[in-house]
N, C-alpha and C. Protein backbone atom coordinates (compact mmCIF):
# COMPACT_ATOMS: atom_id res chain seq x y z
N MET A 1 119.79 85.37 92.75
CA MET A 1 121.25 85.25 92.79
C MET A 1 121.62 84.21 93.64
N ILE A 2 120.83 84.05 94.83
CA ILE A 2 121.10 82.64 95.54
C ILE A 2 120.72 81.42 94.96
N SER A 3 119.60 81.45 94.17
CA SER A 3 119.29 80.43 93.34
C SER A 3 120.37 79.88 92.22
N VAL A 4 120.99 80.85 91.70
CA VAL A 4 122.00 80.66 90.81
C VAL A 4 123.34 79.96 91.34
N VAL A 5 123.37 80.28 92.62
CA VAL A 5 124.64 79.73 93.30
C VAL A 5 124.15 78.22 93.75
N ILE A 6 123.00 78.12 94.03
CA ILE A 6 122.39 76.71 94.52
C ILE A 6 122.65 75.99 93.44
N LEU A 7 122.06 76.35 92.24
CA LEU A 7 121.96 75.65 91.28
C LEU A 7 123.38 75.02 90.68
N ALA A 8 124.47 76.20 90.53
CA ALA A 8 125.62 75.85 90.34
C ALA A 8 126.33 74.72 91.33
N LEU A 9 126.10 74.74 92.39
CA LEU A 9 126.65 73.99 93.71
C LEU A 9 125.87 72.44 93.28
N ALA A 10 124.72 72.46 92.87
CA ALA A 10 123.97 71.12 92.87
C ALA A 10 124.52 70.44 91.52
N ILE A 11 124.94 71.25 90.50
CA ILE A 11 125.36 70.49 89.26
C ILE A 11 126.81 70.14 89.67
N ALA A 12 127.51 70.78 90.16
CA ALA A 12 128.92 70.27 90.58
C ALA A 12 128.80 69.14 91.56
N GLY A 13 127.89 69.47 92.52
CA GLY A 13 127.68 68.13 93.43
C GLY A 13 127.44 66.98 92.84
N LEU A 14 126.71 66.73 91.64
CA LEU A 14 126.44 65.61 90.88
C LEU A 14 127.73 64.90 90.59
N PHE A 15 128.78 65.77 90.17
CA PHE A 15 130.01 65.15 89.53
C PHE A 15 131.00 64.85 90.79
N VAL A 16 130.85 65.55 91.86
CA VAL A 16 132.03 65.44 92.99
C VAL A 16 131.71 64.44 93.97
N LEU A 17 130.57 64.53 94.34
CA LEU A 17 129.93 63.84 95.66
C LEU A 17 129.75 62.56 95.38
N PRO A 18 129.96 61.47 96.43
CA PRO A 18 129.60 60.24 96.25
C PRO A 18 128.13 60.08 96.11
N ASP A 19 127.90 58.63 95.85
CA ASP A 19 126.64 58.48 95.70
C ASP A 19 125.34 58.78 96.60
N PRO A 20 125.51 58.41 97.78
CA PRO A 20 124.16 58.76 98.53
C PRO A 20 124.09 60.42 98.82
N TRP A 21 125.17 61.07 99.04
CA TRP A 21 125.20 62.51 99.05
C TRP A 21 124.76 63.25 98.05
N ARG A 22 125.08 62.62 96.86
CA ARG A 22 124.72 63.20 95.62
C ARG A 22 123.24 63.38 95.16
N LEU A 23 122.59 62.37 95.69
CA LEU A 23 120.97 62.42 95.53
C LEU A 23 120.34 63.37 96.59
N ILE A 24 120.80 63.33 97.89
CA ILE A 24 120.40 64.06 99.13
C ILE A 24 120.56 65.72 98.53
N PHE A 25 121.88 66.06 98.06
CA PHE A 25 122.10 67.39 97.80
C PHE A 25 121.41 67.63 96.57
N LEU A 26 120.82 67.18 95.64
CA LEU A 26 120.10 67.40 94.52
C LEU A 26 118.74 67.54 94.99
N CYS A 27 118.30 66.75 95.92
CA CYS A 27 116.87 67.02 96.58
C CYS A 27 116.71 68.11 97.16
N VAL A 28 117.75 68.60 98.25
CA VAL A 28 117.57 69.87 98.87
C VAL A 28 117.86 70.94 97.93
N ALA A 29 118.51 70.94 96.83
CA ALA A 29 118.40 72.27 95.93
C ALA A 29 117.29 72.21 95.21
N LEU A 30 116.72 71.12 94.89
CA LEU A 30 115.23 71.25 94.60
C LEU A 30 114.12 71.78 95.19
N VAL A 31 114.36 71.40 96.55
CA VAL A 31 113.21 72.09 97.50
C VAL A 31 113.53 73.49 97.67
N VAL A 32 114.73 73.97 97.47
CA VAL A 32 115.25 75.36 97.78
C VAL A 32 114.54 76.20 96.47
N GLU A 33 114.93 75.50 95.32
CA GLU A 33 114.24 76.29 94.07
C GLU A 33 112.97 76.34 93.97
N VAL A 34 112.18 75.25 94.37
CA VAL A 34 110.56 75.19 94.34
C VAL A 34 110.24 76.17 95.47
N GLY A 35 110.82 76.15 96.52
CA GLY A 35 110.53 77.42 97.55
C GLY A 35 110.79 78.85 97.27
N GLU A 36 111.71 79.01 96.51
CA GLU A 36 111.85 80.32 95.89
C GLU A 36 111.00 80.52 94.95
N VAL A 37 110.31 79.94 94.29
CA VAL A 37 109.27 80.21 93.22
C VAL A 37 108.13 80.68 93.99
N PHE A 38 107.81 79.82 94.77
CA PHE A 38 106.63 80.09 95.58
C PHE A 38 106.67 81.30 96.43
N ALA A 39 107.83 81.72 97.02
CA ALA A 39 108.16 83.02 97.67
C ALA A 39 107.94 84.04 96.57
N TRP A 40 108.34 83.95 95.32
CA TRP A 40 108.36 85.08 94.45
C TRP A 40 106.83 85.43 94.15
N ILE A 41 106.08 84.17 94.06
CA ILE A 41 104.69 84.29 93.79
C ILE A 41 103.86 84.91 94.76
N ARG A 42 104.16 84.76 95.85
CA ARG A 42 103.24 85.29 97.19
C ARG A 42 103.85 86.53 97.13
N PHE A 43 104.87 86.83 96.96
CA PHE A 43 105.53 88.46 97.14
C PHE A 43 104.77 89.18 96.06
N LEU A 44 104.81 88.68 94.83
CA LEU A 44 104.29 89.63 93.65
C LEU A 44 102.64 89.85 93.67
N ARG A 45 102.15 88.72 94.33
CA ARG A 45 100.48 88.89 94.57
C ARG A 45 100.12 90.06 95.30
N ARG A 46 100.94 90.63 96.25
CA ARG A 46 100.63 92.00 97.00
C ARG A 46 100.29 92.95 96.18
N TYR A 47 101.01 93.16 95.00
CA TYR A 47 100.68 94.37 94.29
C TYR A 47 99.68 94.20 93.26
N ARG A 48 98.79 95.20 93.30
CA ARG A 48 97.88 95.22 92.16
C ARG A 48 98.13 95.97 90.97
N VAL A 49 98.02 95.22 89.99
CA VAL A 49 98.42 95.77 88.67
C VAL A 49 97.37 97.04 88.11
N THR A 50 97.91 97.84 87.76
CA THR A 50 96.89 98.79 87.23
C THR A 50 97.41 99.49 86.03
N THR A 51 96.63 99.14 84.92
CA THR A 51 96.99 99.41 83.75
C THR A 51 95.73 100.15 82.88
N GLY A 52 96.22 100.96 81.93
CA GLY A 52 95.09 101.79 81.10
C GLY A 52 94.99 103.17 81.74
N ALA A 53 93.95 103.73 81.33
CA ALA A 53 93.73 105.06 81.77
C ALA A 53 93.37 105.10 83.23
N GLU A 54 92.40 104.18 83.77
CA GLU A 54 92.13 104.11 85.15
C GLU A 54 93.35 104.14 86.21
N GLY A 55 94.37 103.61 85.59
CA GLY A 55 95.60 103.74 86.54
C GLY A 55 96.20 105.24 86.57
N LEU A 56 95.88 106.13 85.86
CA LEU A 56 96.30 107.51 85.87
C LEU A 56 95.65 108.27 87.00
N ILE A 57 94.40 107.88 87.70
CA ILE A 57 93.77 108.48 88.42
C ILE A 57 94.35 108.67 89.62
N GLY A 58 94.70 109.84 90.31
CA GLY A 58 95.42 110.28 91.42
C GLY A 58 96.71 110.69 91.12
N GLU A 59 97.38 110.39 90.01
CA GLU A 59 98.80 110.58 89.72
C GLU A 59 98.91 112.18 89.66
N ARG A 60 99.95 112.77 89.83
CA ARG A 60 100.41 114.00 89.72
C ARG A 60 100.99 114.16 88.10
N ALA A 61 100.48 115.23 87.80
CA ALA A 61 100.91 115.86 86.22
C ALA A 61 101.32 117.11 86.41
N GLU A 62 102.37 117.32 85.43
CA GLU A 62 102.94 118.79 85.15
C GLU A 62 102.28 119.36 84.18
N VAL A 63 101.98 120.55 84.30
CA VAL A 63 101.31 121.23 83.35
C VAL A 63 102.24 121.70 82.08
N ASP A 64 102.10 121.38 80.88
CA ASP A 64 102.99 121.53 79.75
C ASP A 64 102.22 122.61 78.84
N ALA A 65 101.14 122.87 78.71
CA ALA A 65 100.53 124.00 77.98
C ALA A 65 99.19 124.31 79.06
N PRO A 66 99.34 125.70 79.32
CA PRO A 66 98.30 125.98 80.23
C PRO A 66 97.09 126.09 79.36
N TRP A 67 95.72 126.21 80.18
CA TRP A 67 94.60 126.40 79.54
C TRP A 67 93.73 127.50 80.51
N SER A 68 92.70 127.98 79.78
CA SER A 68 91.75 128.79 80.35
C SER A 68 90.85 128.09 80.89
N ASP A 69 89.64 128.57 81.28
CA ASP A 69 88.50 127.99 81.81
C ASP A 69 87.59 127.35 80.64
N ARG A 70 87.58 128.05 79.59
CA ARG A 70 86.65 127.38 78.51
C ARG A 70 87.66 126.12 77.96
N GLY A 71 88.91 126.42 77.72
CA GLY A 71 89.53 125.56 76.61
C GLY A 71 90.50 124.46 77.47
N GLY A 72 91.19 123.57 76.89
CA GLY A 72 92.03 122.58 77.35
C GLY A 72 93.21 122.87 77.15
N GLY A 73 94.16 122.15 77.90
CA GLY A 73 95.61 122.17 77.58
C GLY A 73 96.10 121.04 77.62
N ARG A 74 97.49 120.74 77.93
CA ARG A 74 98.13 119.73 78.10
C ARG A 74 98.98 119.53 79.28
N VAL A 75 99.16 118.18 79.89
CA VAL A 75 99.85 117.63 81.11
C VAL A 75 100.79 116.63 80.83
N ARG A 76 101.94 116.55 81.18
CA ARG A 76 102.58 115.25 81.21
C ARG A 76 102.54 114.45 82.56
N VAL A 77 102.31 113.22 82.21
CA VAL A 77 101.99 112.23 83.54
C VAL A 77 102.81 110.97 83.02
N ARG A 78 103.72 110.66 83.76
CA ARG A 78 104.59 109.45 83.68
C ARG A 78 105.24 109.69 82.31
N GLY A 79 105.79 110.99 82.12
CA GLY A 79 106.53 110.86 80.67
C GLY A 79 105.79 111.18 79.41
N GLU A 80 104.35 110.89 79.63
CA GLU A 80 103.46 111.16 78.33
C GLU A 80 102.62 112.47 78.37
N LEU A 81 102.56 112.87 77.27
CA LEU A 81 101.44 114.23 77.05
C LEU A 81 100.22 113.60 76.99
N TRP A 82 99.24 114.44 77.72
CA TRP A 82 97.78 113.99 77.52
C TRP A 82 97.09 115.37 77.54
N ASN A 83 95.98 115.39 77.02
CA ASN A 83 94.92 116.57 76.80
C ASN A 83 94.37 116.66 78.07
N ALA A 84 94.29 117.94 78.49
CA ALA A 84 93.82 117.99 79.89
C ALA A 84 92.66 119.13 79.79
N ARG A 85 91.87 119.05 80.97
CA ARG A 85 90.83 120.05 81.14
C ARG A 85 90.75 120.23 82.74
N GLY A 86 90.52 121.39 83.03
CA GLY A 86 90.23 121.62 84.60
C GLY A 86 90.12 123.11 84.95
N GLU A 87 90.35 123.30 86.09
CA GLU A 87 90.12 124.86 86.39
C GLU A 87 91.22 125.58 85.89
N GLY A 88 90.84 127.06 85.50
CA GLY A 88 91.86 127.80 84.82
C GLY A 88 92.81 128.15 85.93
N GLY A 89 93.91 129.12 85.58
CA GLY A 89 94.83 129.82 86.43
C GLY A 89 96.19 128.86 86.40
N GLN A 90 96.17 127.93 85.52
CA GLN A 90 97.37 126.90 85.99
C GLN A 90 98.33 127.32 85.00
N THR A 91 99.69 127.44 85.39
CA THR A 91 100.94 127.97 84.60
C THR A 91 101.70 126.78 84.20
N ARG A 92 102.40 127.08 83.31
CA ARG A 92 103.36 125.88 82.78
C ARG A 92 104.37 125.42 83.81
N GLY A 93 104.55 124.25 84.11
CA GLY A 93 105.31 123.47 85.05
C GLY A 93 104.67 123.53 86.46
N GLY A 94 103.45 124.02 86.40
CA GLY A 94 102.66 123.74 87.69
C GLY A 94 102.32 122.19 87.74
N VAL A 95 101.95 121.81 89.10
CA VAL A 95 101.50 120.69 89.28
C VAL A 95 99.99 120.46 89.61
N VAL A 96 99.40 119.63 89.08
CA VAL A 96 97.95 119.25 89.15
C VAL A 96 97.60 117.53 89.44
N ARG A 97 96.71 117.34 89.89
CA ARG A 97 96.26 115.92 90.18
C ARG A 97 95.49 115.34 89.19
N VAL A 98 95.22 114.19 88.73
CA VAL A 98 94.41 113.68 87.87
C VAL A 98 93.12 113.10 88.51
N ALA A 99 91.93 113.78 88.14
CA ALA A 99 90.62 113.60 89.04
C ALA A 99 89.94 112.27 88.24
N ARG A 100 89.91 112.41 86.99
CA ARG A 100 89.24 111.27 86.19
C ARG A 100 89.63 111.40 84.76
N VAL A 101 89.18 110.50 84.29
CA VAL A 101 89.60 110.26 82.58
C VAL A 101 88.30 110.51 81.95
N ASP A 102 88.33 111.15 80.95
CA ASP A 102 87.18 111.46 79.92
C ASP A 102 87.93 111.10 78.62
N GLY A 103 87.57 109.79 78.05
CA GLY A 103 88.09 109.52 76.59
C GLY A 103 89.66 109.67 76.90
N LEU A 104 90.27 110.48 75.84
CA LEU A 104 91.92 110.69 75.82
C LEU A 104 92.01 112.11 76.49
N THR A 105 90.94 112.55 77.23
CA THR A 105 91.27 113.88 78.03
C THR A 105 91.25 113.54 79.41
N LEU A 106 92.33 114.11 80.29
CA LEU A 106 92.33 114.02 81.62
C LEU A 106 91.67 115.17 82.45
N ILE A 107 90.84 114.82 83.30
CA ILE A 107 90.12 115.97 84.00
C ILE A 107 91.25 116.24 85.39
N VAL A 108 91.49 117.19 85.43
CA VAL A 108 92.56 117.61 86.49
C VAL A 108 92.04 118.59 87.59
N GLU A 109 92.49 118.50 88.74
CA GLU A 109 92.20 119.38 89.54
C GLU A 109 93.55 120.13 90.38
N PRO A 110 93.65 121.07 90.88
CA PRO A 110 94.83 121.56 91.53
C PRO A 110 95.50 120.65 92.51
N ASP A 111 96.65 120.38 92.62
CA ASP A 111 97.32 119.33 93.67
C ASP A 111 97.55 120.31 95.05
N ARG A 112 97.06 119.53 95.93
CA ARG A 112 96.82 120.37 97.24
C ARG A 112 98.29 120.24 97.96
N GLY A 113 99.33 119.51 97.47
CA GLY A 113 100.53 119.32 98.06
C GLY A 113 100.79 118.13 98.81
N ASP A 114 99.65 117.59 99.34
CA ASP A 114 99.90 116.41 100.34
C ASP A 114 99.96 115.18 99.15
N ASP A 115 100.41 114.10 99.86
CA ASP A 115 100.40 112.77 98.97
C ASP A 115 99.28 111.76 99.38
N GLY A 116 98.25 112.14 99.71
CA GLY A 116 97.11 111.51 100.21
C GLY A 116 96.48 111.33 98.63
N ARG A 117 96.13 109.94 98.01
CA ARG A 117 95.63 109.82 97.06
C ARG A 117 94.17 109.50 97.08
């Protein structure tokens, strides 16, 4: 938002300000714009990108179709339905945590209730 305002002022300054101030104002606006780009790059490098199935490990999932000890069921993670296997005794609407991924099946374990991943 600030960069848009500075850019608009720099363009207006090109037409309104006298000669020496016009160049100074334009250079200051350029330095601010470049500084903002580097600040965003530095800020965004803090966050590690997790994509694919390995990004699901540790996520909480809601049981959509319960399963027995022998068979598998379904869970909903981030709004998506996945096949799941794990300990029996889960009820629909229960919360489990993804322990690992086996192909297109999530291996889940009961959620302990804490938020430690």
